[in-house]
Amino acid sequence: MRTSFFQPLLICFVVISLEAQAQEMPNSYYLDDNELSSKKNLLKIDVTSPLRGQYMVYYERFLSKLDHISGEIGIGYLNSQFKSAHINIAENNFKRFELKEPGYAISWAFNYHPYRSFYKKYYGLKASYNWFDEIKSTQFLMYRGHQINLTDWIVLDMLIGMAIEIYDPKHPDENWYSDVDKHRVLLDVIIKFDYLF
């Protein structure tokens, strides 16, 4: 299924616009008297993944001994219209799979926060694993994110990154694409709404 760069570019434009309009709050608002994050947990819902037939939730927490580093885990469900990723850079297209049965996803990530809180920019590395029917995929994503505190406990969380996706088709048949690339370079843009506590 062919598509253009319009959708991811539109999402990127929205992300940049929201960053530009974000209210800058002093970093002390998010830090305790020891200059560490006063709120160490995020519960996240990915609002872009349903566009590709995936429903993901995440939990992120600052690591107590490393005040700039947080760890994140995620679990998800893949429906019958699952798209492997937003866009394939090399071929400028989506790869959509018609799943015979629901699939599942799990991910884990580590993020670096320069401001030692869930605030402003951050950088991360993420690994995710999807399994559906007889095909499995592993994705490694490097990204830059930005968090905007909409209220004391709601955070708009946006990131853009480049990924390498590796497929492992075990028993392909006529229902699967015969030209599934085993290695692909992808652009991913993700928007989440987070509960901060």
N, C-alpha and C. Protein backbone atom coordinates (compact mmCIF):
# COMPACT_ATOMS: atom_id res chain seq x y z
N MET A 1 0.84 -1.20 0.00
CA MET A 1 0.00 0.00 0.00
C MET A 1 0.88 1.24 0.00
N ARG A 2 0.73 2.07 -0.98
CA ARG A 2 1.57 3.25 -1.13
C ARG A 2 0.97 4.44 -0.39
N THR A 3 1.84 5.26 0.14
CA THR A 3 1.42 6.51 0.76
C THR A 3 2.56 7.50 0.61
N SER A 4 2.38 8.73 0.99
CA SER A 4 3.42 9.74 0.87
C SER A 4 3.96 10.08 2.24
N PHE A 5 4.87 11.03 2.24
CA PHE A 5 5.43 11.49 3.51
C PHE A 5 4.48 12.46 4.22
N PHE A 6 3.30 12.73 3.65
CA PHE A 6 2.44 13.78 4.18
C PHE A 6 2.05 13.52 5.63
N GLN A 7 1.62 12.31 5.95
CA GLN A 7 1.13 12.04 7.30
C GLN A 7 2.22 12.23 8.36
N PRO A 8 3.42 11.60 8.23
CA PRO A 8 4.43 11.84 9.25
C PRO A 8 4.91 13.27 9.30
N LEU A 9 4.98 13.96 8.15
CA LEU A 9 5.40 15.36 8.16
C LEU A 9 4.37 16.24 8.86
N LEU A 10 3.09 15.92 8.68
CA LEU A 10 2.04 16.66 9.37
C LEU A 10 2.16 16.48 10.88
N ILE A 11 2.41 15.25 11.31
CA ILE A 11 2.58 14.99 12.74
C ILE A 11 3.80 15.74 13.27
N CYS A 12 4.90 15.75 12.50
CA CYS A 12 6.10 16.50 12.91
C CYS A 12 5.79 17.98 13.06
N PHE A 13 5.02 18.54 12.13
CA PHE A 13 4.66 19.95 12.20
C PHE A 13 3.86 20.24 13.46
N VAL A 14 2.93 19.36 13.79
CA VAL A 14 2.13 19.55 15.01
C VAL A 14 3.03 19.50 16.25
N VAL A 15 3.96 18.55 16.27
CA VAL A 15 4.89 18.43 17.40
C VAL A 15 5.69 19.70 17.58
N ILE A 16 6.27 20.22 16.48
CA ILE A 16 7.09 21.43 16.55
C ILE A 16 6.26 22.63 16.98
N SER A 17 5.03 22.73 16.48
CA SER A 17 4.15 23.84 16.85
C SER A 17 3.81 23.82 18.34
N LEU A 18 3.52 22.62 18.84
CA LEU A 18 3.19 22.51 20.26
C LEU A 18 4.40 22.85 21.14
N GLU A 19 5.58 22.45 20.71
CA GLU A 19 6.79 22.79 21.45
C GLU A 19 6.97 24.30 21.50
N ALA A 20 6.76 24.97 20.37
CA ALA A 20 6.96 26.42 20.30
C ALA A 20 5.98 27.17 21.17
N GLN A 21 4.76 26.61 21.33
CA GLN A 21 3.73 27.29 22.09
C GLN A 21 3.71 26.89 23.56
N ALA A 22 4.55 25.92 23.92
CA ALA A 22 4.54 25.43 25.30
C ALA A 22 4.95 26.52 26.28
N GLN A 23 4.32 26.56 27.43
CA GLN A 23 4.65 27.51 28.48
C GLN A 23 5.91 27.03 29.19
N GLU A 24 6.95 27.82 29.20
CA GLU A 24 8.19 27.44 29.87
C GLU A 24 8.02 27.69 31.36
N MET A 25 8.18 26.62 32.17
CA MET A 25 8.06 26.72 33.61
C MET A 25 9.43 26.51 34.22
N PRO A 26 9.74 27.16 35.35
CA PRO A 26 11.05 26.98 35.97
C PRO A 26 11.28 25.53 36.35
N ASN A 27 12.52 25.07 36.18
CA ASN A 27 12.82 23.67 36.47
C ASN A 27 12.59 23.33 37.93
N SER A 28 12.68 24.32 38.81
CA SER A 28 12.48 24.09 40.24
C SER A 28 11.07 23.61 40.54
N TYR A 29 10.12 23.88 39.63
CA TYR A 29 8.74 23.44 39.82
C TYR A 29 8.66 21.92 39.88
N TYR A 30 9.59 21.22 39.19
CA TYR A 30 9.54 19.77 39.08
C TYR A 30 10.54 19.06 39.99
N LEU A 31 11.38 19.83 40.72
CA LEU A 31 12.43 19.23 41.53
C LEU A 31 12.16 19.45 43.00
N ASP A 32 12.62 18.49 43.82
CA ASP A 32 12.47 18.64 45.27
C ASP A 32 13.67 19.40 45.83
N ASP A 33 13.78 19.45 47.15
CA ASP A 33 14.87 20.21 47.78
C ASP A 33 16.24 19.62 47.51
N ASN A 34 16.29 18.34 47.11
CA ASN A 34 17.56 17.70 46.78
C ASN A 34 17.89 17.78 45.30
N GLU A 35 17.16 18.64 44.58
CA GLU A 35 17.37 18.81 43.14
C GLU A 35 17.14 17.53 42.37
N LEU A 36 16.23 16.68 42.85
CA LEU A 36 15.83 15.47 42.15
C LEU A 36 14.36 15.58 41.79
N SER A 37 13.94 14.79 40.83
CA SER A 37 12.55 14.85 40.39
C SER A 37 11.61 14.54 41.54
N SER A 38 10.63 15.41 41.77
CA SER A 38 9.67 15.19 42.85
C SER A 38 8.58 14.21 42.45
N LYS A 39 8.38 14.01 41.15
CA LYS A 39 7.40 13.05 40.65
C LYS A 39 8.16 12.08 39.74
N LYS A 40 8.16 10.82 40.10
CA LYS A 40 9.07 9.87 39.47
C LYS A 40 8.39 8.87 38.55
N ASN A 41 7.08 8.95 38.36
CA ASN A 41 6.35 7.93 37.61
C ASN A 41 5.49 8.55 36.52
N LEU A 42 5.40 7.84 35.40
CA LEU A 42 4.49 8.21 34.32
C LEU A 42 3.74 6.97 33.87
N LEU A 43 2.43 7.10 33.71
CA LEU A 43 1.60 6.09 33.05
C LEU A 43 1.17 6.69 31.73
N LYS A 44 1.48 6.02 30.60
CA LYS A 44 1.35 6.62 29.28
C LYS A 44 0.37 5.86 28.39
N ILE A 45 -0.35 6.62 27.56
CA ILE A 45 -1.19 6.04 26.52
C ILE A 45 -0.73 6.61 25.18
N ASP A 46 -0.39 5.74 24.25
CA ASP A 46 0.06 6.14 22.91
C ASP A 46 -1.18 6.41 22.06
N VAL A 47 -1.34 7.67 21.59
CA VAL A 47 -2.52 8.03 20.80
C VAL A 47 -2.27 7.94 19.30
N THR A 48 -1.02 7.69 18.88
CA THR A 48 -0.74 7.54 17.45
C THR A 48 -0.72 6.07 17.02
N SER A 49 -0.41 5.16 17.94
CA SER A 49 -0.32 3.75 17.54
C SER A 49 -1.63 3.17 17.01
N PRO A 50 -2.83 3.61 17.47
CA PRO A 50 -4.06 3.07 16.86
C PRO A 50 -4.17 3.35 15.36
N LEU A 51 -3.47 4.37 14.85
CA LEU A 51 -3.49 4.66 13.42
C LEU A 51 -2.90 3.51 12.61
N ARG A 52 -2.06 2.70 13.24
CA ARG A 52 -1.47 1.56 12.55
C ARG A 52 -1.92 0.24 13.16
N GLY A 53 -3.06 0.25 13.83
CA GLY A 53 -3.63 -1.00 14.33
C GLY A 53 -2.95 -1.56 15.56
N GLN A 54 -2.34 -0.67 16.35
CA GLN A 54 -1.63 -1.11 17.55
C GLN A 54 -2.10 -0.26 18.73
N TYR A 55 -2.29 -0.88 19.87
CA TYR A 55 -2.76 -0.17 21.07
C TYR A 55 -1.75 -0.42 22.18
N MET A 56 -1.03 0.66 22.59
CA MET A 56 0.07 0.52 23.53
C MET A 56 -0.14 1.36 24.78
N VAL A 57 0.24 0.81 25.93
CA VAL A 57 0.32 1.55 27.18
C VAL A 57 1.72 1.34 27.75
N TYR A 58 2.21 2.35 28.50
CA TYR A 58 3.57 2.31 29.01
C TYR A 58 3.60 2.76 30.47
N TYR A 59 4.63 2.29 31.15
CA TYR A 59 4.93 2.79 32.50
C TYR A 59 6.40 3.19 32.52
N GLU A 60 6.67 4.41 32.98
CA GLU A 60 8.04 4.92 33.05
C GLU A 60 8.34 5.41 34.46
N ARG A 61 9.56 5.16 34.92
CA ARG A 61 9.95 5.58 36.26
C ARG A 61 11.42 5.99 36.27
N PHE A 62 11.72 7.05 37.03
CA PHE A 62 13.11 7.42 37.23
C PHE A 62 13.81 6.35 38.04
N LEU A 63 15.05 6.04 37.66
CA LEU A 63 15.84 5.07 38.40
C LEU A 63 16.49 5.77 39.59
N SER A 64 16.29 5.25 40.78
CA SER A 64 16.62 5.97 42.01
C SER A 64 18.09 6.37 42.11
N LYS A 65 19.00 5.54 41.60
CA LYS A 65 20.42 5.82 41.70
C LYS A 65 20.95 6.70 40.56
N LEU A 66 20.16 6.86 39.52
CA LEU A 66 20.59 7.61 38.34
C LEU A 66 19.55 8.68 38.05
N ASP A 67 19.76 9.89 38.58
CA ASP A 67 18.70 10.88 38.56
C ASP A 67 18.43 11.48 37.18
N HIS A 68 19.27 11.19 36.18
CA HIS A 68 19.01 11.65 34.82
C HIS A 68 18.36 10.56 33.96
N ILE A 69 18.29 9.34 34.45
CA ILE A 69 17.90 8.19 33.65
C ILE A 69 16.57 7.62 34.14
N SER A 70 15.69 7.32 33.19
CA SER A 70 14.44 6.64 33.52
C SER A 70 14.33 5.36 32.69
N GLY A 71 13.59 4.40 33.20
CA GLY A 71 13.31 3.17 32.49
C GLY A 71 11.84 3.08 32.14
N GLU A 72 11.53 2.47 31.00
CA GLU A 72 10.15 2.39 30.53
C GLU A 72 9.85 0.99 30.01
N ILE A 73 8.67 0.48 30.34
CA ILE A 73 8.20 -0.77 29.76
C ILE A 73 6.83 -0.52 29.14
N GLY A 74 6.52 -1.27 28.09
CA GLY A 74 5.23 -1.10 27.42
C GLY A 74 4.67 -2.44 26.97
N ILE A 75 3.35 -2.54 26.94
CA ILE A 75 2.68 -3.72 26.41
C ILE A 75 1.60 -3.25 25.45
N GLY A 76 1.28 -4.09 24.47
CA GLY A 76 0.30 -3.68 23.47
C GLY A 76 -0.40 -4.84 22.79
N TYR A 77 -1.42 -4.45 22.04
CA TYR A 77 -2.29 -5.39 21.32
C TYR A 77 -2.32 -4.97 19.86
N LEU A 78 -2.22 -5.91 18.93
CA LEU A 78 -2.25 -5.63 17.50
C LEU A 78 -3.55 -6.16 16.93
N ASN A 79 -4.32 -5.30 16.25
CA ASN A 79 -5.57 -5.78 15.67
C ASN A 79 -5.35 -6.23 14.22
N SER A 80 -6.42 -6.51 13.51
CA SER A 80 -6.31 -7.13 12.18
C SER A 80 -5.77 -6.18 11.11
N GLN A 81 -5.65 -4.88 11.42
CA GLN A 81 -5.15 -3.92 10.42
C GLN A 81 -3.76 -3.39 10.79
N PHE A 82 -2.97 -4.21 11.44
CA PHE A 82 -1.67 -3.78 11.93
C PHE A 82 -0.74 -3.33 10.81
N LYS A 83 -0.14 -2.14 11.00
CA LYS A 83 0.94 -1.65 10.13
C LYS A 83 2.23 -1.76 10.92
N SER A 84 3.27 -2.21 10.27
CA SER A 84 4.51 -2.49 11.00
C SER A 84 5.13 -1.23 11.58
N ALA A 85 5.05 -0.10 10.89
CA ALA A 85 5.59 1.15 11.41
C ALA A 85 5.00 2.28 10.58
N HIS A 86 5.26 3.52 11.00
CA HIS A 86 4.64 4.64 10.30
C HIS A 86 5.02 4.71 8.83
N ILE A 87 6.30 4.64 8.55
CA ILE A 87 6.69 4.78 7.15
C ILE A 87 8.06 4.15 6.92
N ASN A 88 8.19 3.47 5.80
CA ASN A 88 9.46 2.87 5.39
C ASN A 88 10.23 3.91 4.60
N ILE A 89 11.38 4.35 5.14
CA ILE A 89 12.14 5.42 4.50
C ILE A 89 12.59 5.03 3.09
N ALA A 90 13.10 3.82 2.94
CA ALA A 90 13.68 3.42 1.66
C ALA A 90 12.63 3.34 0.57
N GLU A 91 11.43 2.82 0.90
CA GLU A 91 10.42 2.59 -0.12
C GLU A 91 9.28 3.60 -0.06
N ASN A 92 9.29 4.48 0.96
CA ASN A 92 8.24 5.49 1.11
C ASN A 92 6.86 4.84 1.11
N ASN A 93 6.69 3.79 1.90
CA ASN A 93 5.38 3.16 1.97
C ASN A 93 5.14 2.50 3.32
N PHE A 94 3.88 2.20 3.57
CA PHE A 94 3.50 1.41 4.73
C PHE A 94 3.49 -0.06 4.33
N LYS A 95 3.75 -0.91 5.28
CA LYS A 95 3.58 -2.34 5.07
C LYS A 95 2.46 -2.79 6.01
N ARG A 96 1.34 -3.15 5.46
CA ARG A 96 0.18 -3.55 6.26
C ARG A 96 0.01 -5.06 6.19
N PHE A 97 -0.24 -5.65 7.34
CA PHE A 97 -0.47 -7.08 7.42
C PHE A 97 -1.93 -7.33 7.78
N GLU A 98 -2.57 -8.23 7.07
CA GLU A 98 -3.92 -8.66 7.41
C GLU A 98 -3.80 -9.84 8.39
N LEU A 99 -3.95 -9.56 9.67
CA LEU A 99 -3.72 -10.59 10.66
C LEU A 99 -4.90 -11.54 10.74
N LYS A 100 -4.59 -12.82 10.79
CA LYS A 100 -5.64 -13.82 10.97
C LYS A 100 -6.06 -13.92 12.43
N GLU A 101 -5.14 -13.60 13.34
CA GLU A 101 -5.42 -13.59 14.76
C GLU A 101 -4.78 -12.34 15.35
N PRO A 102 -5.27 -11.86 16.51
CA PRO A 102 -4.65 -10.69 17.15
C PRO A 102 -3.19 -10.96 17.49
N GLY A 103 -2.41 -9.91 17.49
CA GLY A 103 -1.00 -10.01 17.86
C GLY A 103 -0.72 -9.24 19.14
N TYR A 104 0.52 -9.30 19.58
CA TYR A 104 0.89 -8.67 20.85
C TYR A 104 2.25 -8.01 20.70
N ALA A 105 2.51 -7.04 21.58
CA ALA A 105 3.78 -6.31 21.53
C ALA A 105 4.26 -6.05 22.95
N ILE A 106 5.57 -6.00 23.08
CA ILE A 106 6.21 -5.62 24.34
C ILE A 106 7.40 -4.74 24.01
N SER A 107 7.70 -3.77 24.87
CA SER A 107 8.83 -2.88 24.61
C SER A 107 9.50 -2.49 25.91
N TRP A 108 10.74 -2.08 25.80
CA TRP A 108 11.46 -1.54 26.95
C TRP A 108 12.39 -0.46 26.43
N ALA A 109 12.63 0.57 27.27
CA ALA A 109 13.41 1.72 26.83
C ALA A 109 14.13 2.35 28.02
N PHE A 110 15.20 3.08 27.69
CA PHE A 110 15.90 3.90 28.67
C PHE A 110 15.97 5.31 28.11
N ASN A 111 15.62 6.31 28.94
CA ASN A 111 15.60 7.71 28.53
C ASN A 111 16.56 8.53 29.37
N TYR A 112 17.19 9.51 28.72
CA TYR A 112 18.07 10.45 29.40
C TYR A 112 17.36 11.81 29.46
N HIS A 113 17.22 12.36 30.68
CA HIS A 113 16.51 13.63 30.91
C HIS A 113 17.51 14.68 31.40
N PRO A 114 17.91 15.64 30.56
CA PRO A 114 18.87 16.66 30.99
C PRO A 114 18.40 17.47 32.19
N TYR A 115 17.06 17.65 32.33
CA TYR A 115 16.53 18.47 33.42
C TYR A 115 16.17 17.66 34.66
N ARG A 116 16.53 16.36 34.66
CA ARG A 116 16.30 15.49 35.81
C ARG A 116 14.84 15.44 36.24
N SER A 117 13.94 15.58 35.30
CA SER A 117 12.51 15.51 35.58
C SER A 117 11.79 15.22 34.26
N PHE A 118 10.51 14.88 34.35
CA PHE A 118 9.69 14.66 33.16
C PHE A 118 9.26 16.03 32.63
N TYR A 119 10.19 16.69 31.95
CA TYR A 119 10.01 18.09 31.59
C TYR A 119 10.96 18.41 30.44
N LYS A 120 10.43 19.07 29.42
CA LYS A 120 11.21 19.49 28.26
C LYS A 120 11.78 18.30 27.50
N LYS A 121 12.99 18.48 26.96
CA LYS A 121 13.54 17.50 26.02
C LYS A 121 14.13 16.29 26.75
N TYR A 122 14.18 15.17 26.02
CA TYR A 122 14.85 13.97 26.49
C TYR A 122 15.28 13.14 25.29
N TYR A 123 16.15 12.17 25.53
CA TYR A 123 16.68 11.32 24.48
C TYR A 123 16.55 9.86 24.93
N GLY A 124 16.33 8.97 23.99
CA GLY A 124 16.12 7.59 24.42
C GLY A 124 16.48 6.54 23.40
N LEU A 125 16.60 5.32 23.89
CA LEU A 125 16.79 4.11 23.09
C LEU A 125 15.71 3.12 23.49
N LYS A 126 15.08 2.52 22.49
CA LYS A 126 13.95 1.63 22.74
C LYS A 126 14.08 0.37 21.90
N ALA A 127 13.74 -0.75 22.50
CA ALA A 127 13.65 -2.02 21.78
C ALA A 127 12.23 -2.54 21.94
N SER A 128 11.63 -3.01 20.86
CA SER A 128 10.28 -3.55 20.93
C SER A 128 10.20 -4.85 20.14
N TYR A 129 9.27 -5.67 20.56
CA TYR A 129 9.12 -7.00 19.96
C TYR A 129 7.64 -7.24 19.69
N ASN A 130 7.31 -7.54 18.44
CA ASN A 130 5.93 -7.85 18.04
C ASN A 130 5.85 -9.29 17.56
N TRP A 131 4.78 -9.97 17.94
CA TRP A 131 4.55 -11.29 17.37
C TRP A 131 3.08 -11.42 16.99
N PHE A 132 2.88 -11.89 15.75
CA PHE A 132 1.53 -11.96 15.20
C PHE A 132 1.51 -13.07 14.15
N ASP A 133 0.52 -13.93 14.25
CA ASP A 133 0.45 -15.12 13.39
C ASP A 133 1.82 -15.81 13.39
N GLU A 134 2.40 -16.01 12.22
CA GLU A 134 3.68 -16.71 12.14
C GLU A 134 4.85 -15.77 11.90
N ILE A 135 4.62 -14.46 12.04
CA ILE A 135 5.68 -13.49 11.79
C ILE A 135 6.02 -12.76 13.09
N LYS A 136 7.31 -12.57 13.33
CA LYS A 136 7.78 -11.83 14.48
C LYS A 136 8.68 -10.70 13.99
N SER A 137 8.67 -9.59 14.73
CA SER A 137 9.55 -8.48 14.35
C SER A 137 10.16 -7.86 15.60
N THR A 138 11.39 -7.41 15.45
CA THR A 138 12.10 -6.70 16.52
C THR A 138 12.49 -5.34 15.97
N GLN A 139 12.27 -4.30 16.77
CA GLN A 139 12.57 -2.94 16.33
C GLN A 139 13.47 -2.26 17.36
N PHE A 140 14.50 -1.56 16.86
CA PHE A 140 15.39 -0.77 17.70
C PHE A 140 15.24 0.69 17.28
N LEU A 141 14.83 1.53 18.21
CA LEU A 141 14.49 2.92 17.91
C LEU A 141 15.37 3.86 18.73
N MET A 142 15.96 4.86 18.05
CA MET A 142 16.69 5.94 18.71
C MET A 142 15.91 7.22 18.46
N TYR A 143 15.63 7.99 19.51
CA TYR A 143 14.69 9.10 19.35
C TYR A 143 15.05 10.29 20.22
N ARG A 144 14.41 11.40 19.88
CA ARG A 144 14.46 12.64 20.65
C ARG A 144 13.03 12.98 21.02
N GLY A 145 12.77 13.22 22.30
CA GLY A 145 11.41 13.51 22.76
C GLY A 145 11.31 14.87 23.42
N HIS A 146 10.08 15.29 23.63
CA HIS A 146 9.80 16.55 24.32
C HIS A 146 8.52 16.37 25.12
N GLN A 147 8.58 16.78 26.38
CA GLN A 147 7.42 16.65 27.26
C GLN A 147 6.93 18.03 27.68
N ILE A 148 5.64 18.23 27.56
CA ILE A 148 5.01 19.50 27.92
C ILE A 148 3.99 19.22 29.01
N ASN A 149 4.14 19.86 30.16
CA ASN A 149 3.21 19.66 31.27
C ASN A 149 1.97 20.50 31.05
N LEU A 150 0.86 19.84 30.70
CA LEU A 150 -0.39 20.54 30.46
C LEU A 150 -1.05 20.95 31.78
N THR A 151 -0.94 20.09 32.79
CA THR A 151 -1.41 20.40 34.14
C THR A 151 -0.36 19.84 35.10
N ASP A 152 -0.67 19.87 36.40
CA ASP A 152 0.25 19.30 37.38
C ASP A 152 0.43 17.80 37.21
N TRP A 153 -0.52 17.15 36.56
CA TRP A 153 -0.45 15.68 36.47
C TRP A 153 -0.69 15.12 35.07
N ILE A 154 -0.89 15.96 34.06
CA ILE A 154 -1.05 15.51 32.68
C ILE A 154 0.10 16.06 31.84
N VAL A 155 0.77 15.17 31.09
CA VAL A 155 1.92 15.54 30.28
C VAL A 155 1.66 15.14 28.83
N LEU A 156 1.92 16.08 27.91
CA LEU A 156 1.92 15.76 26.49
C LEU A 156 3.33 15.33 26.12
N ASP A 157 3.47 14.13 25.60
CA ASP A 157 4.77 13.49 25.38
C ASP A 157 4.91 13.17 23.90
N MET A 158 5.91 13.78 23.24
CA MET A 158 6.06 13.64 21.79
C MET A 158 7.49 13.23 21.48
N LEU A 159 7.64 12.35 20.51
CA LEU A 159 9.00 11.95 20.12
C LEU A 159 9.04 11.62 18.64
N ILE A 160 10.23 11.77 18.08
CA ILE A 160 10.48 11.41 16.70
C ILE A 160 11.83 10.69 16.65
N GLY A 161 11.90 9.63 15.85
CA GLY A 161 13.15 8.88 15.83
C GLY A 161 13.29 8.00 14.61
N MET A 162 14.48 7.42 14.48
CA MET A 162 14.78 6.50 13.41
C MET A 162 14.91 5.10 13.99
N ALA A 163 14.42 4.12 13.24
CA ALA A 163 14.41 2.75 13.74
C ALA A 163 14.94 1.79 12.69
N ILE A 164 15.47 0.70 13.17
CA ILE A 164 15.78 -0.46 12.34
C ILE A 164 14.84 -1.57 12.76
N GLU A 165 14.13 -2.15 11.80
CA GLU A 165 13.18 -3.22 12.09
C GLU A 165 13.65 -4.50 11.42
N ILE A 166 13.63 -5.60 12.16
CA ILE A 166 14.10 -6.89 11.68
C ILE A 166 12.94 -7.88 11.75
N TYR A 167 12.63 -8.50 10.61
CA TYR A 167 11.53 -9.47 10.55
C TYR A 167 12.05 -10.89 10.60
N ASP A 168 11.23 -11.75 11.18
CA ASP A 168 11.54 -13.17 11.25
C ASP A 168 10.31 -13.98 10.84
N PRO A 169 10.00 -14.03 9.53
CA PRO A 169 8.83 -14.80 9.09
C PRO A 169 9.12 -16.30 9.14
N LYS A 170 8.39 -17.01 9.99
CA LYS A 170 8.66 -18.44 10.18
C LYS A 170 8.00 -19.31 9.11
N HIS A 171 6.72 -19.11 8.90
CA HIS A 171 6.00 -19.97 7.96
C HIS A 171 5.11 -19.12 7.05
N PRO A 172 5.69 -18.31 6.17
CA PRO A 172 4.86 -17.47 5.29
C PRO A 172 4.05 -18.32 4.32
N ASP A 173 2.84 -17.86 4.01
CA ASP A 173 2.03 -18.55 3.01
C ASP A 173 1.41 -17.51 2.09
N GLU A 174 0.41 -17.89 1.32
CA GLU A 174 -0.12 -16.97 0.31
C GLU A 174 -0.78 -15.74 0.93
N ASN A 175 -1.09 -15.76 2.22
CA ASN A 175 -1.73 -14.61 2.86
C ASN A 175 -0.73 -13.54 3.27
N TRP A 176 0.56 -13.86 3.19
CA TRP A 176 1.58 -12.91 3.60
C TRP A 176 2.26 -12.32 2.37
N TYR A 177 2.81 -11.12 2.56
CA TYR A 177 3.58 -10.53 1.48
C TYR A 177 4.82 -11.38 1.22
N SER A 178 5.09 -11.62 -0.04
CA SER A 178 6.27 -12.42 -0.38
C SER A 178 7.55 -11.61 -0.37
N ASP A 179 7.41 -10.26 -0.32
CA ASP A 179 8.59 -9.40 -0.40
C ASP A 179 8.88 -8.71 0.92
N VAL A 180 8.54 -9.33 2.04
CA VAL A 180 8.83 -8.73 3.34
C VAL A 180 10.34 -8.61 3.51
N ASP A 181 10.81 -7.38 3.68
CA ASP A 181 12.23 -7.17 3.89
C ASP A 181 12.60 -7.62 5.30
N LYS A 182 13.73 -8.28 5.41
CA LYS A 182 14.14 -8.73 6.74
C LYS A 182 14.72 -7.59 7.56
N HIS A 183 15.26 -6.55 6.89
CA HIS A 183 15.81 -5.39 7.59
C HIS A 183 15.29 -4.14 6.90
N ARG A 184 14.75 -3.21 7.70
CA ARG A 184 14.23 -1.98 7.12
C ARG A 184 14.57 -0.81 8.03
N VAL A 185 14.74 0.38 7.41
CA VAL A 185 14.96 1.62 8.15
C VAL A 185 13.65 2.39 8.15
N LEU A 186 13.23 2.85 9.33
CA LEU A 186 11.91 3.44 9.48
C LEU A 186 11.97 4.79 10.18
N LEU A 187 11.01 5.64 9.88
CA LEU A 187 10.78 6.88 10.61
C LEU A 187 9.58 6.67 11.52
N ASP A 188 9.70 7.01 12.79
CA ASP A 188 8.58 6.84 13.71
C ASP A 188 8.32 8.16 14.42
N VAL A 189 7.06 8.56 14.48
CA VAL A 189 6.61 9.74 15.22
C VAL A 189 5.52 9.28 16.17
N ILE A 190 5.69 9.56 17.44
CA ILE A 190 4.76 9.07 18.47
C ILE A 190 4.30 10.22 19.34
N ILE A 191 3.02 10.24 19.65
CA ILE A 191 2.44 11.20 20.59
C ILE A 191 1.73 10.42 21.68
N LYS A 192 2.02 10.76 22.93
CA LYS A 192 1.40 10.10 24.07
C LYS A 192 0.83 11.13 25.02
N PHE A 193 -0.15 10.70 25.78
CA PHE A 193 -0.63 11.48 26.92
C PHE A 193 -0.27 10.70 28.17
N ASP A 194 0.39 11.39 29.12
CA ASP A 194 0.93 10.73 30.30
C ASP A 194 0.26 11.24 31.57
N TYR A 195 0.12 10.33 32.52
CA TYR A 195 -0.34 10.68 33.87
C TYR A 195 0.90 10.70 34.77
N LEU A 196 1.17 11.85 35.37
CA LEU A 196 2.37 12.07 36.17
C LEU A 196 2.05 11.92 37.65
N PHE A 197 2.82 11.06 38.33
CA PHE A 197 2.59 10.89 39.78
C PHE A 197 3.87 10.47 40.48
